[in-house]
Amino acid sequence: MSESASSERYEECRTTADWLLSSTKVRPTVGIVCGSGMGGLAKLLKDPQVFKYSDIPNFPQSTVHGHAGQLVFGTLNGKPCVCMQGRFHLYEGYTVQKITLPMRVFKLMGVKTVFLTNAAGGLNQDYKVGDVMIIKDHINMPGFAGINPLFGPNDERFGVRFPCMSDAYDRELRQLARDVASELGYSDFLQEGVYCVLAGPSFETIAECRMLRNLGADAVGMSTVHEVITARHAGMRCFAMSLISNMSVMSYDSQEKANHEEVLETGRLRAKDLEKLVSTIVGRLEHNSSS
């Protein structure tokens, strides 16, 4: 990608952000990305304004069942928010730069903190279906093959050429989440671990699951990491959670098979707890943030 293409990408994001800001009076400081089956978070926003992705200039389209495909503006516990009901994935055929475009649009709209949720397969055998894992770190497997949203010329208007990722998942927000979960009585199903992203859309083989577990991954999924890399590059704080929607198959004797319907059903069962957890954390942001 050339320098001119990099500049065009900035202008593309600027155009999208300006269009949205001219279409709503909300000036979001918090961005929320809803994972599979977890779009209900957007329904908590007061005085919502909804924009279909198909109506937003330069925005990709969500093609996955369980992803509504709309951007919702409103307030959550008094905080101005923008919420993505449906995200984009590599397996839909988009470039990694296109699936992370919303993060840069968030930045240009004034977002300071990004909350991301996803559905993931549990690799850690101590986990159970329905557990919620706070992500403390990630393994970007596609990145090992050169698939990184920051690949190509760097645009300094977004961030530095070589951004640090050892602090990708904000420590203060993770502690706040643990405190809130304890208060809400959620400690029994709260975990904290490492998330590994793969490109998908096929679920992992048994050998792949075993390898990922040996590498130190506690859960595996097909999203979130590239968004986090882009958000951190742009200087936004990140907090992410995985809903363990199925346990990855680790034994050749097992008859279990991963499927997307199970993912969505687990999301429905745990949705209210996740919504309460995120909304409470958002409500306390100003007391636990230096940004």
Protein backbone atom coordinates (compact mmCIF):
# COMPACT_ATOMS: atom_id res chain seq x y z
CA MET A 1 0.00 0.00 0.00
CA SER A 2 1.38 3.41 -1.01
CA GLU A 3 1.59 6.60 1.03
CA SER A 4 -1.25 8.03 -1.06
CA ALA A 5 -3.41 5.00 -0.28
CA SER A 6 -2.67 5.49 3.43
CA SER A 7 -3.77 9.12 3.14
CA GLU A 8 -6.91 8.04 1.29
CA ARG A 9 -7.70 5.67 4.16
CA TYR A 10 -7.47 8.54 6.64
CA GLU A 11 -9.74 10.69 4.49
CA GLU A 12 -12.17 7.77 4.16
CA CYS A 13 -12.38 7.46 7.97
CA ARG A 14 -12.63 11.25 8.35
CA THR A 15 -15.54 11.37 5.89
CA THR A 16 -17.37 8.62 7.78
CA ALA A 17 -16.77 10.23 11.19
CA ASP A 18 -17.88 13.66 9.96
CA TRP A 19 -21.05 12.20 8.41
CA LEU A 20 -21.95 10.48 11.68
CA LEU A 21 -21.15 13.54 13.82
CA SER A 22 -23.33 15.69 11.57
CA SER A 23 -26.17 13.15 11.87
CA THR A 24 -26.30 12.88 15.67
CA LYS A 25 -25.87 15.21 18.63
CA VAL A 26 -24.21 12.45 20.67
CA ARG A 27 -20.46 12.92 21.13
CA PRO A 28 -19.38 9.45 22.23
CA THR A 29 -16.48 8.93 24.61
CA VAL A 30 -17.16 5.18 24.91
CA GLY A 31 -17.31 2.70 22.02
CA ILE A 32 -18.83 -0.75 22.45
CA VAL A 33 -18.49 -3.70 20.05
CA CYS A 34 -21.08 -6.46 20.48
CA GLY A 35 -20.10 -10.06 19.73
CA SER A 36 -22.27 -12.90 18.43
CA GLY A 37 -25.59 -13.03 20.26
CA MET A 38 -24.68 -10.06 22.47
CA GLY A 39 -26.27 -7.20 20.54
CA GLY A 40 -28.65 -6.61 23.45
CA LEU A 41 -26.06 -4.27 24.96
CA ALA A 42 -27.15 -1.63 22.45
CA LYS A 43 -30.73 -1.84 23.73
CA LEU A 44 -29.57 -0.42 27.06
CA LEU A 45 -28.69 2.92 25.46
CA LYS A 46 -31.06 5.75 26.33
CA ASP A 47 -32.46 7.98 23.57
CA PRO A 48 -30.97 5.71 20.90
CA GLN A 49 -30.21 6.84 17.38
CA VAL A 50 -29.74 3.96 14.96
CA PHE A 51 -27.79 3.97 11.70
CA LYS A 52 -27.75 0.90 9.47
CA TYR A 53 -24.27 0.06 8.24
CA SER A 54 -25.63 0.13 4.70
CA ASP A 55 -26.48 3.84 5.14
CA ILE A 56 -23.09 4.88 6.55
CA PRO A 57 -20.50 6.10 4.01
CA ASN A 58 -17.53 3.71 3.54
CA PHE A 59 -18.81 1.26 6.20
CA PRO A 60 -18.53 -2.49 5.56
CA GLN A 61 -21.62 -4.71 5.86
CA SER A 62 -22.04 -7.40 8.52
CA THR A 63 -23.00 -10.73 6.94
CA VAL A 64 -23.07 -13.02 9.99
CA HIS A 65 -26.24 -14.40 11.59
CA GLY A 66 -26.53 -12.91 15.07
CA HIS A 67 -25.01 -9.58 14.02
CA ALA A 68 -27.67 -6.88 13.44
CA GLY A 69 -25.47 -4.63 11.32
CA GLN A 70 -26.16 -1.21 12.80
CA LEU A 71 -24.49 1.56 14.78
CA VAL A 72 -26.40 2.83 17.80
CA PHE A 73 -25.70 6.16 19.53
CA GLY A 74 -27.06 7.04 22.97
CA THR A 75 -26.16 7.26 26.64
CA LEU A 76 -25.33 4.38 28.97
CA ASN A 77 -25.33 5.19 32.68
CA GLY A 78 -24.86 8.82 31.77
CA LYS A 79 -21.95 8.24 29.38
CA PRO A 80 -22.28 9.14 25.69
CA CYS A 81 -21.73 5.92 23.75
CA VAL A 82 -21.63 4.46 20.28
CA CYS A 83 -22.37 0.76 19.99
CA MET A 84 -21.67 -1.61 17.09
CA GLN A 85 -24.40 -4.23 16.79
CA GLY A 86 -22.44 -6.57 14.60
CA ARG A 87 -18.77 -6.51 13.67
CA PHE A 88 -16.71 -7.57 10.67
CA HIS A 89 -14.40 -10.56 10.27
CA LEU A 90 -11.58 -11.68 8.02
CA TYR A 91 -13.62 -14.72 6.95
CA GLU A 92 -16.27 -12.47 5.41
CA GLY A 93 -13.69 -11.57 2.77
CA TYR A 94 -12.81 -8.11 4.02
CA THR A 95 -9.24 -6.89 4.32
CA VAL A 96 -7.93 -6.53 7.85
CA GLN A 97 -7.83 -2.75 7.30
CA LYS A 98 -11.51 -2.70 6.35
CA ILE A 99 -12.70 -4.71 9.36
CA THR A 100 -10.90 -2.29 11.69
CA LEU A 101 -12.12 0.90 10.00
CA PRO A 102 -14.80 1.42 12.70
CA MET A 103 -12.08 1.71 15.37
CA ARG A 104 -10.48 4.61 13.52
CA VAL A 105 -13.88 6.20 12.99
CA PHE A 106 -14.44 5.85 16.76
CA LYS A 107 -11.18 7.67 17.39
CA LEU A 108 -12.05 10.50 15.02
CA MET A 109 -15.45 10.89 16.74
CA GLY A 110 -13.76 11.38 20.11
CA VAL A 111 -14.01 7.91 21.68
CA LYS A 112 -11.52 7.38 24.52
CA THR A 113 -12.35 3.86 25.72
CA VAL A 114 -13.44 0.81 23.73
CA PHE A 115 -15.31 -2.18 25.18
CA LEU A 116 -15.30 -5.33 23.05
CA THR A 117 -17.19 -8.57 23.55
CA ASN A 118 -17.00 -11.83 21.66
CA ALA A 119 -18.08 -15.44 21.79
CA ALA A 120 -15.15 -17.85 22.08
CA GLY A 121 -14.30 -21.50 22.42
CA GLY A 122 -12.83 -22.53 25.76
CA LEU A 123 -9.38 -24.12 25.61
CA ASN A 124 -8.65 -23.98 29.34
CA GLN A 125 -10.16 -27.14 30.78
CA ASP A 126 -11.02 -25.31 34.01
CA TYR A 127 -13.51 -23.18 32.07
CA LYS A 128 -17.19 -24.02 31.59
CA VAL A 129 -19.70 -23.01 28.93
CA GLY A 130 -21.26 -19.73 30.10
CA ASP A 131 -18.10 -18.45 31.79
CA VAL A 132 -17.04 -14.88 31.03
CA MET A 133 -13.32 -14.40 30.45
CA ILE A 134 -11.72 -10.99 30.90
CA ILE A 135 -9.04 -10.84 28.21
CA LYS A 136 -5.66 -9.95 29.71
CA ASP A 137 -3.58 -10.62 26.59
CA HIS A 138 -3.85 -12.05 23.09
CA ILE A 139 -2.09 -14.18 20.52
CA ASN A 140 -2.52 -12.89 16.96
CA MET A 141 -2.04 -16.03 14.88
CA PRO A 142 -2.83 -14.34 11.53
CA GLY A 143 -0.25 -11.75 12.51
CA PHE A 144 2.43 -14.43 12.35
CA ALA A 145 1.60 -14.66 8.64
CA GLY A 146 1.69 -10.89 8.12
CA ILE A 147 -2.01 -10.17 8.61
CA ASN A 148 -1.95 -7.08 10.81
CA PRO A 149 -4.19 -4.01 10.50
CA LEU A 150 -1.13 -1.75 10.72
CA PHE A 151 0.59 -3.42 7.75
CA GLY A 152 1.77 -0.92 5.12
CA PRO A 153 2.72 2.76 5.42
CA ASN A 154 1.96 4.28 8.82
CA ASP A 155 -0.23 7.36 9.10
CA GLU A 156 1.06 9.40 12.05
CA ARG A 157 -2.36 11.06 12.36
CA PHE A 158 -3.58 7.78 13.84
CA GLY A 159 -0.54 6.62 15.80
CA VAL A 160 3.14 5.66 15.88
CA ARG A 161 4.81 3.19 13.54
CA PHE A 162 5.61 0.59 16.24
CA PRO A 163 2.90 0.70 18.93
CA CYS A 164 3.40 -1.16 22.21
CA MET A 165 1.04 -4.11 22.81
CA SER A 166 2.22 -5.29 26.24
CA ASP A 167 -0.45 -3.01 27.70
CA ALA A 168 -3.14 -3.71 25.09
CA TYR A 169 -5.80 -4.59 27.68
CA ASP A 170 -6.08 -1.83 30.25
CA ARG A 171 -5.06 -2.99 33.72
CA GLU A 172 -7.28 -0.50 35.59
CA LEU A 173 -10.35 -1.51 33.61
CA ARG A 174 -9.65 -5.20 34.21
CA GLN A 175 -9.44 -4.55 37.95
CA LEU A 176 -12.63 -2.49 37.83
CA ALA A 177 -14.36 -5.38 36.03
CA ARG A 178 -13.27 -7.84 38.71
CA ASP A 179 -14.52 -5.49 41.45
CA VAL A 180 -17.88 -4.96 39.73
CA ALA A 181 -18.27 -8.70 39.05
CA SER A 182 -17.66 -9.41 42.73
CA GLU A 183 -20.29 -6.87 43.77
CA LEU A 184 -22.82 -8.31 41.33
CA GLY A 185 -22.15 -11.87 42.50
CA TYR A 186 -20.61 -12.94 39.19
CA SER A 187 -17.28 -14.20 40.53
CA ASP A 188 -18.35 -17.84 40.13
CA PHE A 189 -18.35 -17.58 36.34
CA LEU A 190 -15.69 -14.89 35.84
CA GLN A 191 -12.30 -15.91 34.44
CA GLU A 192 -9.27 -14.00 33.19
CA GLY A 193 -7.05 -15.31 30.44
CA VAL A 194 -5.39 -15.15 27.03
CA TYR A 195 -7.45 -14.97 23.83
CA CYS A 196 -6.13 -16.36 20.56
CA VAL A 197 -7.54 -15.17 17.24
CA LEU A 198 -7.72 -17.30 14.11
CA ALA A 199 -9.08 -16.23 10.71
CA GLY A 200 -11.99 -18.74 10.55
CA PRO A 201 -14.65 -19.45 9.44
CA SER A 202 -14.06 -23.15 10.07
CA PHE A 203 -13.84 -24.11 13.71
CA GLU A 204 -10.51 -25.47 14.94
CA THR A 205 -9.32 -29.05 14.57
CA ILE A 206 -8.46 -31.08 17.64
CA ALA A 207 -4.75 -30.80 16.85
CA GLU A 208 -5.05 -27.03 16.49
CA CYS A 209 -6.85 -26.73 19.82
CA ARG A 210 -4.16 -28.76 21.54
CA MET A 211 -1.43 -26.63 19.98
CA LEU A 212 -3.11 -23.36 20.99
CA ARG A 213 -3.54 -24.57 24.56
CA ASN A 214 0.14 -25.49 24.68
CA LEU A 215 0.98 -21.99 23.45
CA GLY A 216 -0.81 -20.53 26.45
CA ALA A 217 -4.21 -19.62 25.01
CA ASP A 218 -7.26 -19.99 27.28
CA ALA A 219 -9.87 -19.24 24.63
CA VAL A 220 -10.01 -19.05 20.84
CA GLY A 221 -12.14 -16.99 18.48
CA MET A 222 -12.29 -15.14 15.16
CA SER A 223 -12.43 -11.45 16.11
CA THR A 224 -11.46 -8.68 18.55
CA VAL A 225 -7.64 -8.76 18.33
CA HIS A 226 -7.33 -6.72 15.14
CA GLU A 227 -9.77 -4.17 16.53
CA VAL A 228 -7.73 -3.92 19.73
CA ILE A 229 -4.47 -3.44 17.81
CA THR A 230 -6.03 -0.63 15.80
CA ALA A 231 -7.64 1.00 18.83
CA ARG A 232 -4.40 0.92 20.81
CA HIS A 233 -2.50 2.30 17.83
CA ALA A 234 -4.92 5.24 17.94
CA GLY A 235 -4.41 5.73 21.68
CA MET A 236 -7.76 4.44 22.93
CA ARG A 237 -7.98 2.27 26.05
CA CYS A 238 -9.33 -1.24 25.55
CA PHE A 239 -11.29 -3.67 27.66
CA ALA A 240 -12.46 -6.98 26.20
CA MET A 241 -14.42 -10.01 27.38
CA SER A 242 -15.08 -13.42 25.88
CA LEU A 243 -18.25 -15.36 26.55
CA ILE A 244 -17.22 -19.02 26.58
CA SER A 245 -19.93 -20.34 24.29
CA ASN A 246 -18.55 -23.82 23.72
CA MET A 247 -15.66 -25.93 24.93
CA SER A 248 -13.12 -26.67 22.22
CA VAL A 249 -12.84 -30.36 21.41
CA MET A 250 -9.50 -31.67 22.70
CA SER A 251 -10.01 -35.43 22.53
CA TYR A 252 -10.25 -37.71 19.50
CA ASP A 253 -12.70 -39.85 21.48
CA SER A 254 -15.13 -36.96 21.90
CA GLN A 255 -18.42 -36.86 20.01
CA GLU A 256 -18.84 -33.11 20.60
CA LYS A 257 -18.95 -30.73 17.62
CA ALA A 258 -18.73 -26.94 17.70
CA ASN A 259 -21.58 -25.07 16.00
CA HIS A 260 -22.72 -21.46 15.62
CA GLU A 261 -26.21 -22.09 17.03
CA GLU A 262 -24.64 -23.14 20.35
CA VAL A 263 -22.69 -19.87 20.33
CA LEU A 264 -25.85 -17.80 19.90
CA GLU A 265 -27.82 -19.78 22.50
CA THR A 266 -25.10 -19.31 25.13
CA GLY A 267 -25.14 -15.60 24.33
CA ARG A 268 -28.87 -15.47 24.97
CA LEU A 269 -28.56 -17.26 28.30
CA ARG A 270 -25.76 -15.06 29.65
CA ALA A 271 -26.76 -11.83 27.91
CA LYS A 272 -28.36 -10.09 30.90
CA ASP A 273 -25.34 -10.72 33.11
CA LEU A 274 -22.97 -9.35 30.47
CA GLU A 275 -25.15 -6.30 29.90
CA LYS A 276 -25.26 -5.55 33.64
CA LEU A 277 -21.50 -6.00 33.96
CA VAL A 278 -20.61 -3.73 31.04
CA SER A 279 -23.15 -1.02 31.87
CA THR A 280 -21.98 -0.86 35.50
CA ILE A 281 -18.32 -0.59 34.44
CA VAL A 282 -19.18 2.17 31.94
CA GLY A 283 -21.06 4.05 34.66
CA ARG A 284 -17.94 4.14 36.81
CA LEU A 285 -15.44 5.04 34.13
CA GLU A 286 -14.82 8.64 35.21
CA HIS A 287 -13.79 7.51 38.70
CA ASN A 288 -11.29 4.97 37.39
CA SER A 289 -9.82 6.73 34.38
CA SER A 290 -7.03 9.19 33.85
CA SER A 291 -8.08 9.73 30.25
